[in-house]
C-alpha atoms as a PDB file:
ATOM      1  CA  MET A   1      11.769 163.743  20.855  1.00  0.00           C
ATOM      2  CA  ASN A   2      13.135 161.160  18.389  1.00  0.00           C
ATOM      3  CA  ASP A   3      12.671 157.395  18.673  1.00  0.00           C
ATOM      4  CA  ILE A   4      15.944 156.732  20.506  1.00  0.00           C
ATOM      5  CA  GLU A   5      15.249 159.538  22.984  1.00  0.00           C
ATOM      6  CA  GLN A   6      11.757 158.127  23.580  1.00  0.00           C
ATOM      7  CA  LEU A   7      13.187 154.641  24.122  1.00  0.00           C
ATOM      8  CA  GLN A   8      15.746 156.069  26.526  1.00  0.00           C
ATOM      9  CA  ALA A   9      13.053 157.926  28.469  1.00  0.00           C
ATOM     10  CA  TRP A  10      10.888 154.826  28.795  1.00  0.00           C
ATOM     11  CA  ILE A  11      13.822 152.701  29.961  1.00  0.00           C
ATOM     12  CA  ASP A  12      14.772 155.362  32.530  1.00  0.00           C
ATOM     13  CA  GLU A  13      11.207 155.270  33.877  1.00  0.00           C
ATOM     14  CA  SER A  14      11.055 151.459  34.103  1.00  0.00           C
ATOM     15  CA  CYS A  15      12.419 148.885  36.534  1.00  0.00           C
ATOM     16  CA  ARG A  16      10.645 145.713  35.390  1.00  0.00           C
ATOM     17  CA  ILE A  17      11.476 145.631  31.695  1.00  0.00           C
ATOM     18  CA  VAL A  18      11.002 142.361  29.840  1.00  0.00           C
ATOM     19  CA  PHE A  19      12.767 141.816  26.540  1.00  0.00           C
ATOM     20  CA  PHE A  20      11.073 139.393  24.122  1.00  0.00           C
ATOM     21  CA  GLY A  21      13.439 138.506  21.299  1.00  0.00           C
ATOM     22  CA  GLY A  22      13.825 136.287  18.269  1.00  0.00           C
ATOM     23  CA  ALA A  23      16.353 135.349  15.608  1.00  0.00           C
ATOM     24  CA  GLY A  24      16.993 138.968  14.603  1.00  0.00           C
ATOM     25  CA  VAL A  25      18.770 139.514  17.921  1.00  0.00           C
ATOM     26  CA  SER A  26      21.475 137.017  16.957  1.00  0.00           C
ATOM     27  CA  THR A  27      21.944 137.822  13.266  1.00  0.00           C
ATOM     28  CA  GLU A  28      24.528 140.473  14.225  1.00  0.00           C
ATOM     29  CA  SER A  29      26.493 137.645  15.845  1.00  0.00           C
ATOM     30  CA  GLY A  30      26.619 135.838  12.508  1.00  0.00           C
ATOM     31  CA  ILE A  31      23.758 133.402  13.152  1.00  0.00           C
ATOM     32  CA  PRO A  32      21.298 133.486  10.209  1.00  0.00           C
ATOM     33  CA  ASP A  33      17.588 133.677  10.905  1.00  0.00           C
ATOM     34  CA  PHE A  34      14.949 131.557   9.213  1.00  0.00           C
ATOM     35  CA  ARG A  35      12.991 134.102   7.222  1.00  0.00           C
ATOM     36  CA  SER A  36      15.448 136.673   5.847  1.00  0.00           C
ATOM     37  CA  THR A  37      16.510 136.623   2.188  1.00  0.00           C
ATOM     38  CA  ASP A  38      19.546 134.481   3.059  1.00  0.00           C
ATOM     39  CA  GLY A  39      17.832 132.647   5.920  1.00  0.00           C
ATOM     40  CA  LEU A  40      17.120 128.940   6.161  1.00  0.00           C
ATOM     41  CA  TYR A  41      13.746 129.170   4.428  1.00  0.00           C
ATOM     42  CA  ASN A  42      15.366 130.468   1.273  1.00  0.00           C
ATOM     43  CA  GLN A  43      18.106 127.852   1.054  1.00  0.00           C
ATOM     44  CA  LYS A  44      17.649 124.712  -0.986  1.00  0.00           C
ATOM     45  CA  TYR A  45      17.249 121.495   0.949  1.00  0.00           C
ATOM     46  CA  LYS A  46      15.405 118.273   0.360  1.00  0.00           C
ATOM     47  CA  TYR A  47      12.731 119.494   2.796  1.00  0.00           C
ATOM     48  CA  PRO A  48      11.886 122.922   4.308  1.00  0.00           C
ATOM     49  CA  PRO A  49      13.431 123.719   7.742  1.00  0.00           C
ATOM     50  CA  GLU A  50      10.173 123.006   9.609  1.00  0.00           C
ATOM     51  CA  THR A  51      10.332 119.460   8.269  1.00  0.00           C
ATOM     52  CA  MET A  52      14.085 119.021   8.811  1.00  0.00           C
ATOM     53  CA  LEU A  53      13.721 120.213  12.400  1.00  0.00           C
ATOM     54  CA  SER A  54      10.516 118.345  13.193  1.00  0.00           C
ATOM     55  CA  HIS A  55       9.963 115.582  15.718  1.00  0.00           C
ATOM     56  CA  THR A  56       8.856 113.333  12.853  1.00  0.00           C
ATOM     57  CA  MET A  57      12.154 113.906  11.013  1.00  0.00           C
ATOM     58  CA  TYR A  58      14.058 113.211  14.220  1.00  0.00           C
ATOM     59  CA  GLU A  59      12.167 109.944  14.732  1.00  0.00           C
ATOM     60  CA  ARG A  60      12.073 108.642  11.145  1.00  0.00           C
ATOM     61  CA  HIS A  61      15.202 110.069   9.498  1.00  0.00           C
ATOM     62  CA  THR A  62      17.458 110.546  12.508  1.00  0.00           C
ATOM     63  CA  GLU A  63      20.750 110.629  10.624  1.00  0.00           C
ATOM     64  CA  GLU A  64      19.502 113.259   8.153  1.00  0.00           C
ATOM     65  CA  PHE A  65      18.136 115.279  11.056  1.00  0.00           C
ATOM     66  CA  TYR A  66      21.535 115.385  12.753  1.00  0.00           C
ATOM     67  CA  GLU A  67      23.333 116.257   9.528  1.00  0.00           C
ATOM     68  CA  PHE A  68      21.088 119.294   9.081  1.00  0.00           C
ATOM     69  CA  TYR A  69      21.236 120.138  12.790  1.00  0.00           C
ATOM     70  CA  ARG A  70      25.059 120.189  12.911  1.00  0.00           C
ATOM     71  CA  ASP A  71      25.318 122.041   9.630  1.00  0.00           C
ATOM     72  CA  LYS A  72      22.751 124.766  10.242  1.00  0.00           C
ATOM     73  CA  LEU A  73      22.064 125.224  13.951  1.00  0.00           C
ATOM     74  CA  LEU A  74      25.471 125.046  15.620  1.00  0.00           C
ATOM     75  CA  TYR A  75      27.616 128.185  15.667  1.00  0.00           C
ATOM     76  CA  PRO A  76      30.374 127.558  18.242  1.00  0.00           C
ATOM     77  CA  ASN A  77      32.291 130.744  17.360  1.00  0.00           C
ATOM     78  CA  ALA A  78      29.345 133.144  17.680  1.00  0.00           C
ATOM     79  CA  GLN A  79      29.875 135.877  20.262  1.00  0.00           C
ATOM     80  CA  PRO A  80      27.341 138.149  22.033  1.00  0.00           C
ATOM     81  CA  ASN A  81      26.676 141.372  20.132  1.00  0.00           C
ATOM     82  CA  ALA A  82      25.763 144.883  21.295  1.00  0.00           C
ATOM     83  CA  ALA A  83      22.132 143.888  21.973  1.00  0.00           C
ATOM     84  CA  HIS A  84      23.045 140.955  24.228  1.00  0.00           C
ATOM     85  CA  LYS A  85      25.574 143.071  26.128  1.00  0.00           C
ATOM     86  CA  LYS A  86      23.208 146.011  26.646  1.00  0.00           C
ATOM     87  CA  LEU A  87      20.459 143.747  27.987  1.00  0.00           C
ATOM     88  CA  ALA A  88      22.881 142.187  30.483  1.00  0.00           C
ATOM     89  CA  GLU A  89      23.860 145.710  31.533  1.00  0.00           C
ATOM     90  CA  LEU A  90      20.212 146.710  31.990  1.00  0.00           C
ATOM     91  CA  GLU A  91      19.588 143.650  34.162  1.00  0.00           C
ATOM     92  CA  GLN A  92      22.640 144.392  36.303  1.00  0.00           C
ATOM     93  CA  ALA A  93      21.432 147.981  36.739  1.00  0.00           C
ATOM     94  CA  GLY A  94      18.055 146.757  38.036  1.00  0.00           C
ATOM     95  CA  ARG A  95      16.080 147.910  34.998  1.00  0.00           C
ATOM     96  CA  LEU A  96      15.416 144.623  33.224  1.00  0.00           C
ATOM     97  CA  SER A  97      13.751 141.725  35.022  1.00  0.00           C
ATOM     98  CA  ALA A  98      13.880 139.018  32.334  1.00  0.00           C
ATOM     99  CA  VAL A  99      14.798 138.071  28.790  1.00  0.00           C
ATOM    100  CA  VAL A 100      12.297 135.792  27.051  1.00  0.00           C
ATOM    101  CA  THR A 101      13.967 134.398  23.940  1.00  0.00           C
ATOM    102  CA  GLN A 102      13.019 132.201  21.025  1.00  0.00           C
ATOM    103  CA  ASN A 103      16.723 131.681  20.298  1.00  0.00           C
ATOM    104  CA  ILE A 104      18.642 128.526  21.163  1.00  0.00           C
ATOM    105  CA  ASP A 105      22.208 129.874  20.993  1.00  0.00           C
ATOM    106  CA  GLY A 106      22.877 130.763  24.651  1.00  0.00           C
ATOM    107  CA  LEU A 107      24.299 134.187  23.735  1.00  0.00           C
ATOM    108  CA  HIS A 108      22.238 136.083  26.325  1.00  0.00           C
ATOM    109  CA  GLN A 109      23.848 134.054  29.126  1.00  0.00           C
ATOM    110  CA  ALA A 110      27.272 134.381  27.469  1.00  0.00           C
ATOM    111  CA  ALA A 111      26.834 138.182  27.665  1.00  0.00           C
ATOM    112  CA  GLY A 112      26.056 137.977  31.392  1.00  0.00           C
ATOM    113  CA  SER A 113      22.245 137.879  31.543  1.00  0.00           C
ATOM    114  CA  ARG A 114      21.031 135.762  34.447  1.00  0.00           C
ATOM    115  CA  THR A 115      17.242 135.596  34.102  1.00  0.00           C
ATOM    116  CA  VAL A 116      16.742 134.128  30.632  1.00  0.00           C
ATOM    117  CA  TYR A 117      13.740 132.038  29.659  1.00  0.00           C
ATOM    118  CA  GLU A 118      14.594 129.958  26.595  1.00  0.00           C
ATOM    119  CA  LEU A 119      11.260 129.078  25.006  1.00  0.00           C
ATOM    120  CA  HIS A 120      12.812 126.768  22.445  1.00  0.00           C
ATOM    121  CA  GLY A 121      15.616 125.309  24.550  1.00  0.00           C
ATOM    122  CA  SER A 122      19.357 125.514  23.892  1.00  0.00           C
ATOM    123  CA  VAL A 123      21.925 123.842  21.629  1.00  0.00           C
ATOM    124  CA  LEU A 124      24.373 124.063  24.545  1.00  0.00           C
ATOM    125  CA  ARG A 125      22.459 121.347  26.401  1.00  0.00           C
ATOM    126  CA  ASN A 126      22.153 117.799  25.139  1.00  0.00           C
ATOM    127  CA  TYR A 127      21.119 114.698  27.019  1.00  0.00           C
ATOM    128  CA  CYS A 128      20.953 110.920  26.673  1.00  0.00           C
ATOM    129  CA  LEU A 129      17.380 109.721  26.243  1.00  0.00           C
ATOM    130  CA  LYS A 130      18.232 106.560  28.169  1.00  0.00           C
ATOM    131  CA  CYS A 131      20.346 107.582  31.205  1.00  0.00           C
ATOM    132  CA  HIS A 132      19.977 111.414  30.982  1.00  0.00           C
ATOM    133  CA  LYS A 133      23.740 112.028  31.018  1.00  0.00           C
ATOM    134  CA  GLN A 134      24.492 115.578  29.831  1.00  0.00           C
ATOM    135  CA  TYR A 135      26.637 116.436  26.818  1.00  0.00           C
ATOM    136  CA  ASP A 136      27.929 119.828  25.642  1.00  0.00           C
ATOM    137  CA  LEU A 137      27.995 121.606  22.285  1.00  0.00           C
ATOM    138  CA  ASP A 138      31.554 120.490  21.555  1.00  0.00           C
ATOM    139  CA  PHE A 139      30.593 116.838  21.844  1.00  0.00           C
ATOM    140  CA  MET A 140      27.733 117.295  19.384  1.00  0.00           C
ATOM    141  CA  LEU A 141      29.949 119.146  16.916  1.00  0.00           C
ATOM    142  CA  HIS A 142      32.519 116.376  16.849  1.00  0.00           C
ATOM    143  CA  SER A 143      30.110 113.453  16.870  1.00  0.00           C
ATOM    144  CA  GLU A 144      29.193 111.718  13.632  1.00  0.00           C
ATOM    145  CA  GLY A 145      25.924 110.289  12.412  1.00  0.00           C
ATOM    146  CA  VAL A 146      23.487 109.709  15.257  1.00  0.00           C
ATOM    147  CA  PRO A 147      25.276 110.660  18.506  1.00  0.00           C
ATOM    148  CA  HIS A 148      25.289 107.974  21.174  1.00  0.00           C
ATOM    149  CA  CYS A 149      25.958 108.030  24.900  1.00  0.00           C
ATOM    150  CA  THR A 150      28.491 105.801  26.639  1.00  0.00           C
ATOM    151  CA  CYS A 151      25.462 103.756  27.798  1.00  0.00           C
ATOM    152  CA  GLY A 152      24.347 103.255  24.206  1.00  0.00           C
ATOM    153  CA  GLY A 153      21.389 105.623  24.301  1.00  0.00           C
ATOM    154  CA  VAL A 154      20.757 108.297  21.671  1.00  0.00           C
ATOM    155  CA  ILE A 155      21.755 111.853  22.632  1.00  0.00           C
ATOM    156  CA  LYS A 156      19.090 114.459  21.876  1.00  0.00           C
ATOM    157  CA  PRO A 157      19.530 118.247  21.863  1.00  0.00           C
ATOM    158  CA  ASP A 158      17.550 120.102  24.533  1.00  0.00           C
ATOM    159  CA  VAL A 159      15.803 121.983  21.741  1.00  0.00           C
ATOM    160  CA  VAL A 160      12.050 122.164  21.132  1.00  0.00           C
ATOM    161  CA  LEU A 161      11.500 120.718  17.676  1.00  0.00           C
ATOM    162  CA  TYR A 162       8.514 121.438  15.447  1.00  0.00           C
ATOM    163  CA  GLU A 163       5.559 119.284  16.617  1.00  0.00           C
ATOM    164  CA  GLU A 164       6.915 119.251  20.194  1.00  0.00           C
ATOM    165  CA  SER A 165       5.433 121.158  23.147  1.00  0.00           C
ATOM    166  CA  LEU A 166       7.176 124.018  24.905  1.00  0.00           C
ATOM    167  CA  ASP A 167       8.389 123.401  28.445  1.00  0.00           C
ATOM    168  CA  GLU A 168       5.527 124.196  30.832  1.00  0.00           C
ATOM    169  CA  ALA A 169       7.703 125.725  33.563  1.00  0.00           C
ATOM    170  CA  THR A 170       9.453 127.997  31.058  1.00  0.00           C
ATOM    171  CA  ILE A 171       6.084 129.186  29.746  1.00  0.00           C
ATOM    172  CA  GLN A 172       4.836 129.922  33.277  1.00  0.00           C
ATOM    173  CA  HIS A 173       7.951 131.899  34.209  1.00  0.00           C
ATOM    174  CA  SER A 174       7.730 133.853  30.937  1.00  0.00           C
ATOM    175  CA  VAL A 175       4.041 134.661  31.442  1.00  0.00           C
ATOM    176  CA  GLN A 176       4.667 135.830  35.022  1.00  0.00           C
ATOM    177  CA  ALA A 177       7.529 138.069  33.913  1.00  0.00           C
ATOM    178  CA  ILE A 178       5.570 139.584  31.009  1.00  0.00           C
ATOM    179  CA  ALA A 179       2.399 140.067  33.084  1.00  0.00           C
ATOM    180  CA  SER A 180       4.286 141.990  35.777  1.00  0.00           C
ATOM    181  CA  ALA A 181       6.445 144.036  33.378  1.00  0.00           C
ATOM    182  CA  ASP A 182       6.226 147.836  33.316  1.00  0.00           C
ATOM    183  CA  MET A 183       7.791 147.866  29.837  1.00  0.00           C
ATOM    184  CA  LEU A 184       7.939 145.255  27.087  1.00  0.00           C
ATOM    185  CA  ILE A 185      10.509 145.409  24.306  1.00  0.00           C
ATOM    186  CA  ILE A 186       9.770 143.100  21.362  1.00  0.00           C
ATOM    187  CA  ALA A 187      12.754 142.822  19.049  1.00  0.00           C
ATOM    188  CA  GLY A 188      14.204 140.796  16.217  1.00  0.00           C
ATOM    189  CA  THR A 189      11.135 138.630  15.712  1.00  0.00           C
ATOM    190  CA  SER A 190       8.391 138.380  13.110  1.00  0.00           C
ATOM    191  CA  LEU A 191       6.070 137.027  15.844  1.00  0.00           C
ATOM    192  CA  ALA A 192       5.127 134.265  13.419  1.00  0.00           C
ATOM    193  CA  VAL A 193       6.027 131.291  15.625  1.00  0.00           C
ATOM    194  CA  TYR A 194       3.307 130.079  17.973  1.00  0.00           C
ATOM    195  CA  PRO A 195       2.712 129.427  20.782  1.00  0.00           C
ATOM    196  CA  ALA A 196       5.791 131.447  21.798  1.00  0.00           C
ATOM    197  CA  SER A 197       4.662 134.737  20.257  1.00  0.00           C
ATOM    198  CA  GLY A 198       1.243 134.402  21.920  1.00  0.00           C
ATOM    199  CA  LEU A 199       2.854 135.087  25.312  1.00  0.00           C
ATOM    200  CA  ILE A 200       3.096 138.815  24.654  1.00  0.00           C
ATOM    201  CA  ARG A 201      -0.666 139.175  25.081  1.00  0.00           C
ATOM    202  CA  TYR A 202      -0.090 138.905  28.844  1.00  0.00           C
ATOM    203  CA  PHE A 203       1.562 142.340  28.879  1.00  0.00           C
ATOM    204  CA  GLU A 204      -0.711 144.883  30.555  1.00  0.00           C
ATOM    205  CA  GLY A 205       1.608 147.895  30.717  1.00  0.00           C
ATOM    206  CA  ASN A 206       1.543 150.970  28.486  1.00  0.00           C
ATOM    207  CA  ARG A 207       5.184 151.026  27.332  1.00  0.00           C
ATOM    208  CA  LEU A 208       5.320 148.623  24.411  1.00  0.00           C
ATOM    209  CA  ALA A 209       8.312 149.094  22.104  1.00  0.00           C
ATOM    210  CA  VAL A 210       8.890 147.109  18.909  1.00  0.00           C
ATOM    211  CA  ILE A 211      12.352 147.106  17.316  1.00  0.00           C
ATOM    212  CA  ASN A 212      12.415 145.140  14.083  1.00  0.00           C
ATOM    213  CA  ARG A 213      13.549 145.353  10.476  1.00  0.00           C
ATOM    214  CA  SER A 214      10.229 144.086   9.085  1.00  0.00           C
ATOM    215  CA  PRO A 215       6.564 144.561  10.082  1.00  0.00           C
ATOM    216  CA  THR A 216       5.066 142.546  12.960  1.00  0.00           C
ATOM    217  CA  PRO A 217       1.448 141.938  14.059  1.00  0.00           C
ATOM    218  CA  MET A 218       2.114 144.167  17.101  1.00  0.00           C
ATOM    219  CA  ASP A 219       3.201 147.283  15.185  1.00  0.00           C
ATOM    220  CA  GLU A 220      -0.153 149.042  15.489  1.00  0.00           C
ATOM    221  CA  GLN A 221      -0.357 148.418  19.234  1.00  0.00           C
ATOM    222  CA  ALA A 222       3.185 149.587  19.921  1.00  0.00           C
ATOM    223  CA  GLY A 223       3.647 152.991  21.518  1.00  0.00           C
ATOM    224  CA  LEU A 224       7.105 153.074  19.987  1.00  0.00           C
ATOM    225  CA  LEU A 225       8.033 151.432  16.690  1.00  0.00           C
ATOM    226  CA  ILE A 226      11.652 151.479  15.538  1.00  0.00           C
ATOM    227  CA  ASN A 227      12.621 150.016  12.182  1.00  0.00           C
ATOM    228  CA  GLY A 228      16.214 148.876  12.482  1.00  0.00           C
ATOM    229  CA  SER A 229      18.672 146.379  13.891  1.00  0.00           C
ATOM    230  CA  VAL A 230      18.389 145.600  17.594  1.00  0.00           C
ATOM    231  CA  GLY A 231      22.105 145.963  18.283  1.00  0.00           C
ATOM    232  CA  GLN A 232      22.404 149.348  16.589  1.00  0.00           C
ATOM    233  CA  VAL A 233      19.362 150.670  18.450  1.00  0.00           C
ATOM    234  CA  LEU A 234      20.226 149.358  21.925  1.00  0.00           C
ATOM    235  CA  SER A 235      23.891 150.373  21.644  1.00  0.00           C
ATOM    236  CA  GLN A 236      22.692 154.010  21.740  1.00  0.00           C
ATOM    237  CA  ILE A 237      20.991 153.534  25.124  1.00  0.00           C
ATOM    238  CA  LYS A 238      22.700 154.782  28.275  1.00  0.00           C
ATOM    239  CA  VAL A 239      22.164 152.598  31.331  1.00  0.00           C
ATOM    240  CA  HIS A 240      21.343 154.363  34.590  1.00  0.00           C
ATOM    241  CA  PRO A 241      21.045 152.211  37.748  1.00  0.00           C
ATOM    242  CA  VAL A 242      17.704 152.270  39.554  1.00  0.00           C
END
């Protein structure tokens, strides 16, 4: 049995699959990740991305923060790829119970997934720090300098910046989903970002699959390890309703 056949067999035997994904899930939609050869860490800026996207940068150099944010984190034309679509299909068929994502692009929901826990928030949601009025992606794209609300307050993206804490409710929902999963698929992530990647330790099942282009700390514990792109792998899976 080859890797794809094994993955297919496990999926066919499962009805509480949780998918834990990172930036590699969205690269096939044209959104660069941080750590690849052409990712944000290898591009030349005044400061590294962790600094540019930190709470300190946001507080002390707000205009520079927004310039970087608009330039490098907003991809309004990105569309769901084969991975996003297959996961939505698996959820609809009663196989997948949740997507836990480190991504902030909203592509899982755009593909039709309903139960998505966004550990790092979403660029699609923005809110006024003063009156909490909501603003969409389009507003942020066409704003200049530091975006301001009609009330005069500063508009902040609903994105977890470096130095900020993850949302407690999102963590709890993610932990519950992972703890009750009968299969965990880890894909498109180096598992280098904490505390998000620490959530996978709550998985107690015996079907752990890792789909990634580069090594991860979970490779040795995985019952199935597939080196490749998430979209190409998942596109080969046939979805059978429970």
